[in-house]
Amino acid sequence: MFGKVSLVTQMLIAFVLAIIVGLILGANADFVQPLGDLFLRLIKFIMIPLVFSTLVVGVASTSDMKVLGKLGGKTVLYFLCTTLFAVTIGIVIALIFNPGTGLSISPGEAAVEPNETEGVIATLLAIIPTNPFAAFVEGNILQIIFFALFLGIGITAVGDKAAPVKRFFDGFAEVMYKITGYIIKVAPIGIFGLIAPIVGQYGASVLLPLIKVLLAMLLACLLHITITYFFLVSKFGNMSPLFFIKGISPAALVAFSTCSSSGTLPVTIKNVEENLNVPKRVSSFVLPLGATINMDGTAIYHGIAALFIAQAYGLDLSFIQYLTIVLTAVLASIGAAGVPGAGMVILAMVLASVNLPLEGIALIAGIDRILDMFRTSTNVIGDASATVVLSRKEREAGGG
């Protein structure tokens, strides 16, 4: 469609073209809606097998925990806790900014009000599937995640005898990555097909709240860094927050420009070892693992995006629905980092967990590159904070 232009540029061009077409044609722009519907069906098609396979591989790949002992468990616990704080901060900031309030976009027929009758205990118990295969048929997101996590843990615990199973899921995940890559290539067409009818129906006013989304994302990331990371580094890492942020800032800037935690990894390792005095045996384990399963910035994005879409479509969320968003974002983050187009696919999973319209993804796709810069920098700073805290804990435990 756009030749050799990068995918990010293609998406931006499609976004702008959709706005122009929507403003010119008005309500008549809905003739391109099937293009958007096609893209949404492709996202739904790949969502469950992709996340399931990558979660299994993500958990099973931490087999080094057996060799490194308590360090692996502490690292995973640290990442899960900070991700929990991150998505909570994202939701709170979104509630304060209310970026989608006033849009009142009509949801499609598939969008239904989520079930609000279950209590907290019932919701938590319902995460455990009585029939894992039924969870796939029903599309029960949290049960699928639960099954994937425990399958990965089981593969790790069994060891060599489970190697064929691990190789199967490694291969299966690679196949899903490839298919996802094909689907993401048609994202510009899907964005055009989704945005043009919305702009045609609601006018340019539908775009103004995106500025609030950007500001909310920036503020939430800064708050998470200054409140969560600075506190943990100071309290448990015995390091000045200013010394910490100065030492990791080169890696954070690279992450900001490249939008890749994995691509920034060599710089991150160099910074934490040389600037923050983290032992190599800690950095060599914690940072690669963090680039795989630690996605605090992405969790913030999921919280803000889900609330923005709910507000844009005039859907009120209950406490149980907020809890579901938090749990889905935290648990799904484990397998998402290595997935091409991860943000879009995992956001679709978060939205599906509370029956929010997937069409809302297109609303923020045009500014996703900027949001990605914020969330990737936050991810890298979070990985570095873990090395500082855990290296001190290792020294106190007699690890050198």
Protein backbone atom coordinates (compact mmCIF):
# COMPACT_ATOMS: atom_id res chain seq x y z
CA MET A 1 0.00 0.00 0.00
CA PHE A 2 2.78 2.47 0.89
CA GLY A 3 5.83 0.80 -0.70
CA LYS A 4 8.98 0.77 1.40
CA VAL A 5 7.74 3.27 3.98
CA SER A 6 8.15 2.03 7.58
CA LEU A 7 5.14 0.49 9.30
CA VAL A 8 4.98 3.31 11.86
CA THR A 9 4.89 5.88 9.04
CA GLN A 10 2.28 3.83 7.19
CA MET A 11 0.06 3.80 10.27
CA LEU A 12 0.46 7.56 10.69
CA ILE A 13 -0.34 8.18 7.00
CA ALA A 14 -3.39 5.91 7.25
CA PHE A 15 -4.51 7.77 10.38
CA VAL A 16 -4.23 11.17 8.65
CA LEU A 17 -5.91 9.92 5.47
CA ALA A 18 -8.75 8.47 7.53
CA ILE A 19 -9.29 11.84 9.20
CA ILE A 20 -9.35 13.63 5.83
CA VAL A 21 -11.73 11.10 4.25
CA GLY A 22 -13.97 11.13 7.33
CA LEU A 23 -14.19 14.94 7.36
CA ILE A 24 -14.89 15.12 3.61
CA LEU A 25 -17.39 12.27 3.28
CA GLY A 26 -19.03 12.51 6.69
CA ALA A 27 -21.46 9.67 7.38
CA ASN A 28 -20.80 8.29 3.88
CA ALA A 29 -17.31 7.23 5.01
CA ASP A 30 -18.78 4.07 6.51
CA PHE A 31 -18.25 2.27 3.19
CA VAL A 32 -14.64 1.54 4.32
CA GLN A 33 -15.85 -0.05 7.58
CA PRO A 34 -15.35 -3.63 6.23
CA LEU A 35 -11.58 -2.95 6.09
CA GLY A 36 -11.63 -2.19 9.81
CA ASP A 37 -13.81 -5.20 10.55
CA LEU A 38 -11.37 -7.43 8.66
CA PHE A 39 -8.45 -6.16 10.75
CA LEU A 40 -10.34 -6.68 14.01
CA ARG A 41 -11.19 -10.25 13.03
CA LEU A 42 -7.51 -10.91 12.30
CA ILE A 43 -6.54 -9.50 15.72
CA LYS A 44 -9.13 -11.72 17.42
CA PHE A 45 -7.92 -14.68 15.37
CA ILE A 46 -4.31 -14.40 16.54
CA MET A 47 -4.84 -13.04 20.06
CA ILE A 48 -5.37 -16.20 22.11
CA PRO A 49 -2.88 -18.60 20.44
CA LEU A 50 -0.23 -15.88 20.38
CA VAL A 51 -0.51 -14.86 24.02
CA PHE A 52 -0.87 -18.47 25.19
CA SER A 53 2.25 -19.69 23.39
CA THR A 54 4.38 -16.69 24.35
CA LEU A 55 3.33 -16.93 28.00
CA VAL A 56 4.29 -20.61 28.14
CA VAL A 57 7.66 -19.86 26.53
CA GLY A 58 8.17 -16.78 28.72
CA VAL A 59 7.72 -18.76 31.93
CA ALA A 60 9.55 -21.88 30.73
CA SER A 61 12.54 -19.82 29.57
CA THR A 62 13.26 -18.87 33.19
CA SER A 63 14.73 -22.33 33.77
CA ASP A 64 17.92 -20.56 34.87
CA MET A 65 16.10 -19.93 38.14
CA LYS A 66 16.99 -23.49 39.11
CA VAL A 67 20.68 -22.66 38.86
CA LEU A 68 20.57 -19.18 40.30
CA GLY A 69 18.37 -20.16 43.25
CA LYS A 70 16.45 -17.45 45.06
CA LEU A 71 17.56 -14.68 42.70
CA GLY A 72 15.14 -15.87 40.00
CA GLY A 73 12.16 -15.96 42.35
CA LYS A 74 12.98 -12.55 43.78
CA THR A 75 13.36 -11.09 40.30
CA VAL A 76 10.00 -12.38 39.06
CA LEU A 77 8.27 -11.24 42.28
CA TYR A 78 9.84 -7.78 41.94
CA PHE A 79 8.69 -7.46 38.33
CA LEU A 80 5.15 -8.61 39.07
CA CYS A 81 4.79 -6.21 42.02
CA THR A 82 6.07 -3.18 40.11
CA THR A 83 3.85 -4.06 37.15
CA LEU A 84 0.89 -4.21 39.53
CA PHE A 85 1.72 -0.72 40.80
CA ALA A 86 2.19 0.49 37.21
CA VAL A 87 -1.19 -0.54 35.86
CA THR A 88 -2.87 0.80 39.01
CA ILE A 89 -1.18 4.19 38.53
CA GLY A 90 -2.28 4.16 34.89
CA ILE A 91 -5.90 3.55 35.84
CA VAL A 92 -5.87 6.23 38.57
CA ILE A 93 -4.37 8.84 36.22
CA ALA A 94 -6.92 7.93 33.54
CA LEU A 95 -9.72 8.40 36.07
CA ILE A 96 -8.32 11.85 36.95
CA PHE A 97 -7.79 12.99 33.35
CA ASN A 98 -10.94 11.34 31.92
CA PRO A 99 -9.52 11.61 28.39
CA GLY A 100 -12.42 9.84 26.67
CA THR A 101 -15.26 11.53 28.52
CA GLY A 102 -17.66 13.40 26.25
CA LEU A 103 -16.99 11.45 23.06
CA SER A 104 -20.00 9.11 23.45
CA ILE A 105 -19.11 6.89 20.50
CA SER A 106 -21.71 4.18 19.92
CA PRO A 107 -20.26 0.70 20.56
CA GLY A 108 -20.84 -2.05 18.04
CA GLU A 109 -23.38 -4.77 18.56
CA ALA A 110 -20.67 -7.14 19.80
CA ALA A 111 -19.85 -4.86 22.72
CA VAL A 112 -21.87 -5.74 25.79
CA GLU A 113 -21.84 -4.58 29.35
CA PRO A 114 -19.49 -6.81 31.35
CA ASN A 115 -20.86 -8.92 34.14
CA GLU A 116 -20.92 -6.98 37.41
CA THR A 117 -22.67 -9.50 39.61
CA GLU A 118 -19.66 -11.51 40.76
CA GLY A 119 -17.79 -10.49 43.88
CA VAL A 120 -14.02 -10.19 44.28
CA ILE A 121 -13.57 -13.71 45.71
CA ALA A 122 -15.71 -15.26 43.00
CA THR A 123 -13.77 -13.37 40.33
CA LEU A 124 -10.43 -14.57 41.70
CA LEU A 125 -11.64 -18.17 41.98
CA ALA A 126 -12.99 -18.01 38.44
CA ILE A 127 -9.44 -17.45 37.18
CA ILE A 128 -8.76 -21.15 37.81
CA PRO A 129 -10.30 -23.15 34.94
CA THR A 130 -12.12 -26.40 35.69
CA ASN A 131 -11.64 -27.27 32.02
CA PRO A 132 -8.72 -25.46 30.33
CA PHE A 133 -9.95 -26.39 26.86
CA ALA A 134 -13.37 -24.91 27.57
CA ALA A 135 -11.56 -21.66 28.44
CA PHE A 136 -10.18 -21.56 24.90
CA VAL A 137 -13.58 -22.20 23.36
CA GLU A 138 -15.24 -19.55 25.54
CA GLY A 139 -12.37 -17.07 25.16
CA ASN A 140 -11.95 -16.72 28.93
CA ILE A 141 -8.79 -14.62 28.96
CA LEU A 142 -7.75 -14.93 32.61
CA GLN A 143 -8.26 -18.70 32.64
CA ILE A 144 -6.13 -19.06 29.50
CA ILE A 145 -3.38 -16.97 31.11
CA PHE A 146 -3.56 -19.08 34.28
CA PHE A 147 -3.23 -22.30 32.29
CA ALA A 148 -0.28 -20.91 30.30
CA LEU A 149 1.55 -19.78 33.45
CA PHE A 150 1.23 -23.14 35.17
CA LEU A 151 2.11 -25.04 32.02
CA GLY A 152 5.31 -23.00 31.80
CA ILE A 153 6.06 -23.61 35.48
CA GLY A 154 5.47 -27.34 34.97
CA ILE A 155 7.86 -27.45 32.00
CA THR A 156 10.52 -25.71 34.10
CA ALA A 157 9.99 -28.06 37.06
CA VAL A 158 10.17 -31.25 34.99
CA GLY A 159 13.40 -30.22 33.29
CA ASP A 160 15.01 -32.32 30.56
CA LYS A 161 12.08 -34.73 30.16
CA ALA A 162 9.87 -31.78 29.22
CA ALA A 163 12.37 -30.49 26.64
CA PRO A 164 10.27 -31.74 23.68
CA VAL A 165 7.24 -29.89 25.06
CA LYS A 166 9.28 -26.71 25.46
CA ARG A 167 10.66 -27.05 21.92
CA PHE A 168 7.10 -27.46 20.62
CA PHE A 169 5.97 -24.24 22.28
CA ASP A 170 9.14 -22.45 21.17
CA GLY A 171 8.32 -23.41 17.59
CA PHE A 172 4.62 -22.69 18.03
CA ALA A 173 5.43 -19.22 19.42
CA GLU A 174 7.74 -18.51 16.47
CA VAL A 175 4.94 -19.47 14.08
CA MET A 176 2.58 -17.12 15.94
CA TYR A 177 5.18 -14.33 15.79
CA LYS A 178 5.39 -14.76 12.02
CA ILE A 179 1.61 -14.77 11.55
CA THR A 180 1.31 -11.73 13.82
CA GLY A 181 3.91 -9.98 11.69
CA TYR A 182 1.76 -10.57 8.61
CA ILE A 183 -1.35 -9.28 10.38
CA ILE A 184 0.37 -6.16 11.73
CA LYS A 185 1.44 -5.30 8.18
CA VAL A 186 -2.22 -4.70 7.31
CA ALA A 187 -2.72 -2.51 10.41
CA PRO A 188 -2.63 0.72 8.36
CA ILE A 189 -5.53 -0.55 6.22
CA GLY A 190 -7.43 -1.56 9.36
CA ILE A 191 -6.79 1.79 11.03
CA PHE A 192 -8.07 3.58 7.93
CA GLY A 193 -11.19 1.42 7.88
CA LEU A 194 -11.91 2.03 11.56
CA ILE A 195 -11.05 5.72 11.96
CA ALA A 196 -12.66 7.18 8.79
CA PRO A 197 -16.24 6.14 9.73
CA ILE A 198 -15.77 7.39 13.32
CA VAL A 199 -14.47 10.78 12.20
CA GLY A 200 -17.20 10.89 9.56
CA GLN A 201 -19.87 10.36 12.19
CA TYR A 202 -18.49 12.41 15.09
CA GLY A 203 -16.26 15.00 13.40
CA ALA A 204 -12.80 16.27 14.33
CA SER A 205 -13.77 16.54 18.01
CA VAL A 206 -13.05 12.83 18.36
CA LEU A 207 -9.31 13.61 18.01
CA LEU A 208 -8.98 16.23 20.75
CA PRO A 209 -8.96 13.73 23.67
CA LEU A 210 -5.79 12.14 22.25
CA ILE A 211 -3.83 15.07 23.69
CA LYS A 212 -5.17 14.12 27.12
CA VAL A 213 -4.08 10.51 26.51
CA LEU A 214 -0.52 11.66 25.76
CA LEU A 215 -0.40 13.89 28.86
CA ALA A 216 -1.89 11.15 31.04
CA MET A 217 0.68 8.63 29.78
CA LEU A 218 3.59 11.01 30.34
CA LEU A 219 2.44 11.90 33.86
CA ALA A 220 1.75 8.27 34.82
CA CYS A 221 5.20 7.15 33.65
CA LEU A 222 6.91 10.00 35.53
CA LEU A 223 4.92 9.22 38.69
CA HIS A 224 5.76 5.52 38.47
CA ILE A 225 9.46 6.30 38.05
CA THR A 226 9.62 8.86 40.85
CA ILE A 227 7.30 7.12 43.31
CA THR A 228 7.84 3.40 42.72
CA TYR A 229 11.39 3.11 41.36
CA PHE A 230 12.94 5.95 43.37
CA PHE A 231 11.42 4.62 46.58
CA LEU A 232 12.57 1.04 45.94
CA VAL A 233 16.08 2.09 44.91
CA SER A 234 16.45 4.38 47.92
CA LYS A 235 14.80 2.12 50.52
CA PHE A 236 15.95 -1.33 49.41
CA GLY A 237 18.88 -0.56 47.11
CA ASN A 238 20.53 2.01 49.42
CA MET A 239 21.17 4.29 46.43
CA SER A 240 20.36 7.93 45.83
CA PRO A 241 17.54 8.31 43.29
CA LEU A 242 19.48 11.09 41.56
CA PHE A 243 22.57 8.88 41.29
CA PHE A 244 20.39 6.09 39.93
CA ILE A 245 18.60 8.13 37.27
CA LYS A 246 21.84 9.77 36.17
CA GLY A 247 23.50 6.37 35.78
CA ILE A 248 20.69 4.81 33.76
CA SER A 249 19.71 7.89 31.72
CA PRO A 250 21.83 6.95 28.64
CA ALA A 251 19.96 3.64 28.34
CA ALA A 252 16.63 5.40 28.96
CA LEU A 253 17.35 7.83 26.12
CA VAL A 254 18.27 4.98 23.76
CA ALA A 255 15.03 3.21 24.73
CA PHE A 256 13.10 6.43 24.14
CA SER A 257 14.47 6.76 20.61
CA THR A 258 14.41 3.07 19.58
CA CYS A 259 11.22 1.92 21.38
CA SER A 260 12.93 -1.44 21.99
CA SER A 261 13.81 -2.86 25.42
CA SER A 262 15.67 -5.75 23.82
CA GLY A 263 17.55 -3.47 21.44
CA THR A 264 18.59 -1.27 24.38
CA LEU A 265 19.80 -4.25 26.43
CA PRO A 266 23.56 -3.88 25.70
CA VAL A 267 23.45 -0.22 26.75
CA THR A 268 21.39 -1.07 29.85
CA ILE A 269 23.87 -3.76 30.92
CA LYS A 270 26.80 -1.37 30.41
CA ASN A 271 25.09 1.40 32.40
CA VAL A 272 24.09 -0.68 35.42
CA GLU A 273 27.50 -2.37 35.69
CA GLU A 274 29.69 0.70 35.12
CA ASN A 275 27.50 3.53 36.47
CA LEU A 276 25.46 1.77 39.17
CA ASN A 277 28.06 -0.79 40.31
CA VAL A 278 25.77 -3.79 39.82
CA PRO A 279 27.64 -7.16 39.79
CA LYS A 280 27.74 -8.86 36.39
CA ARG A 281 26.19 -12.07 37.76
CA VAL A 282 23.10 -10.05 38.75
CA SER A 283 22.84 -7.87 35.64
CA SER A 284 23.42 -10.79 33.25
CA PHE A 285 20.35 -12.57 34.64
CA VAL A 286 17.98 -9.81 35.74
CA LEU A 287 18.21 -7.57 32.65
CA PRO A 288 17.58 -10.19 29.92
CA LEU A 289 14.73 -11.58 32.02
CA GLY A 290 13.37 -8.07 32.51
CA ALA A 291 13.48 -7.39 28.77
CA THR A 292 11.31 -10.49 28.40
CA ILE A 293 8.74 -10.24 31.19
CA ASN A 294 8.95 -6.77 32.78
CA MET A 295 6.68 -4.27 31.05
CA ASP A 296 5.69 -1.61 33.55
CA GLY A 297 5.39 1.10 30.91
CA THR A 298 3.20 -1.15 28.79
CA ALA A 299 1.04 -1.94 31.84
CA ILE A 300 0.52 1.81 32.40
CA TYR A 301 -0.45 2.11 28.74
CA HIS A 302 -2.96 -0.73 29.05
CA GLY A 303 -4.61 0.88 32.08
CA ILE A 304 -4.90 4.31 30.43
CA ALA A 305 -5.95 2.93 27.03
CA ALA A 306 -8.64 0.67 28.50
CA LEU A 307 -10.13 3.53 30.53
CA PHE A 308 -9.94 5.92 27.58
CA ILE A 309 -11.78 3.47 25.33
CA ALA A 310 -14.40 2.73 28.00
CA GLN A 311 -15.00 6.47 28.48
CA ALA A 312 -15.07 7.13 24.72
CA TYR A 313 -17.82 4.53 24.27
CA GLY A 314 -19.72 5.70 27.35
CA LEU A 315 -19.27 2.41 29.22
CA ASP A 316 -19.07 2.50 33.03
CA LEU A 317 -16.72 0.01 34.67
CA SER A 318 -17.30 -1.63 38.04
CA PHE A 319 -14.65 -2.44 40.64
CA ILE A 320 -14.57 -6.05 39.40
CA GLN A 321 -13.90 -4.84 35.88
CA TYR A 322 -11.04 -2.65 37.08
CA LEU A 323 -9.65 -5.65 38.95
CA THR A 324 -9.91 -7.76 35.80
CA ILE A 325 -8.02 -5.13 33.78
CA VAL A 326 -5.26 -5.06 36.40
CA LEU A 327 -4.93 -8.85 36.56
CA THR A 328 -4.98 -9.28 32.79
CA ALA A 329 -2.41 -6.53 32.19
CA VAL A 330 -0.05 -7.86 34.89
CA LEU A 331 -0.23 -11.52 33.89
CA ALA A 332 -0.20 -10.95 30.13
CA SER A 333 2.94 -8.82 30.41
CA ILE A 334 5.04 -11.92 31.05
CA GLY A 335 4.91 -13.13 27.48
CA ALA A 336 4.37 -9.93 25.54
CA ALA A 337 7.76 -8.28 25.23
CA GLY A 338 9.10 -10.34 22.35
CA VAL A 339 5.94 -10.19 20.26
CA PRO A 340 5.90 -8.00 17.13
CA GLY A 341 2.96 -5.61 17.55
CA ALA A 342 2.72 -6.68 21.20
CA GLY A 343 1.10 -3.49 22.44
CA MET A 344 -1.84 -3.77 20.05
CA VAL A 345 -2.41 -7.50 20.55
CA ILE A 346 -2.13 -7.43 24.35
CA LEU A 347 -4.33 -4.33 24.53
CA ALA A 348 -6.92 -6.28 22.54
CA MET A 349 -6.68 -9.03 25.14
CA VAL A 350 -7.12 -6.55 28.02
CA LEU A 351 -10.16 -5.03 26.30
CA ALA A 352 -11.63 -8.46 25.57
CA SER A 353 -11.31 -9.46 29.24
CA VAL A 354 -13.96 -6.85 30.16
CA ASN A 355 -15.87 -6.84 26.84
CA LEU A 356 -14.74 -3.37 25.75
CA PRO A 357 -14.98 -2.59 22.00
CA LEU A 358 -11.81 -3.60 20.17
CA GLU A 359 -12.57 -0.86 17.63
CA GLY A 360 -11.21 1.56 20.24
CA ILE A 361 -7.67 0.39 19.50
CA ALA A 362 -7.73 2.39 16.26
CA LEU A 363 -8.44 5.62 18.18
CA ILE A 364 -4.98 5.62 19.78
CA ALA A 365 -3.06 3.80 17.05
CA GLY A 366 -2.10 7.09 15.42
CA ILE A 367 -0.22 8.28 18.52
CA ASP A 368 1.07 4.83 19.51
CA ARG A 369 4.66 5.63 18.50
CA ILE A 370 4.83 8.49 21.00
CA LEU A 371 3.20 6.37 23.69
CA ASP A 372 5.69 3.60 22.89
CA MET A 373 8.61 5.98 23.57
CA PHE A 374 7.24 6.69 27.05
CA ARG A 375 6.50 3.07 27.93
CA THR A 376 9.80 1.63 26.63
CA SER A 377 11.87 4.12 28.63
CA THR A 378 9.86 3.23 31.72
CA ASN A 379 10.40 -0.50 31.07
CA VAL A 380 14.19 -0.06 30.87
CA ILE A 381 14.39 2.12 33.99
CA GLY A 382 12.33 -0.51 35.81
CA ASP A 383 14.72 -3.28 34.77
CA ALA A 384 17.66 -1.23 36.07
CA SER A 385 15.94 -0.56 39.39
CA ALA A 386 15.52 -4.30 39.86
CA THR A 387 19.27 -4.90 39.44
CA VAL A 388 20.07 -2.25 42.06
CA VAL A 389 17.62 -3.63 44.63
CA LEU A 390 18.43 -7.30 44.02
CA SER A 391 22.20 -6.81 43.97
CA ARG A 392 22.03 -5.33 47.48
CA LYS A 393 19.77 -8.17 48.65
CA GLU A 394 22.29 -10.67 47.26
CA ARG A 395 25.14 -9.00 49.14
CA GLU A 396 23.13 -9.02 52.38
CA ALA A 397 22.40 -12.72 51.82
CA GLY A 398 26.13 -13.40 51.55
CA GLY A 399 26.25 -13.62 47.78
CA GLY A 400 29.27 -11.36 47.53
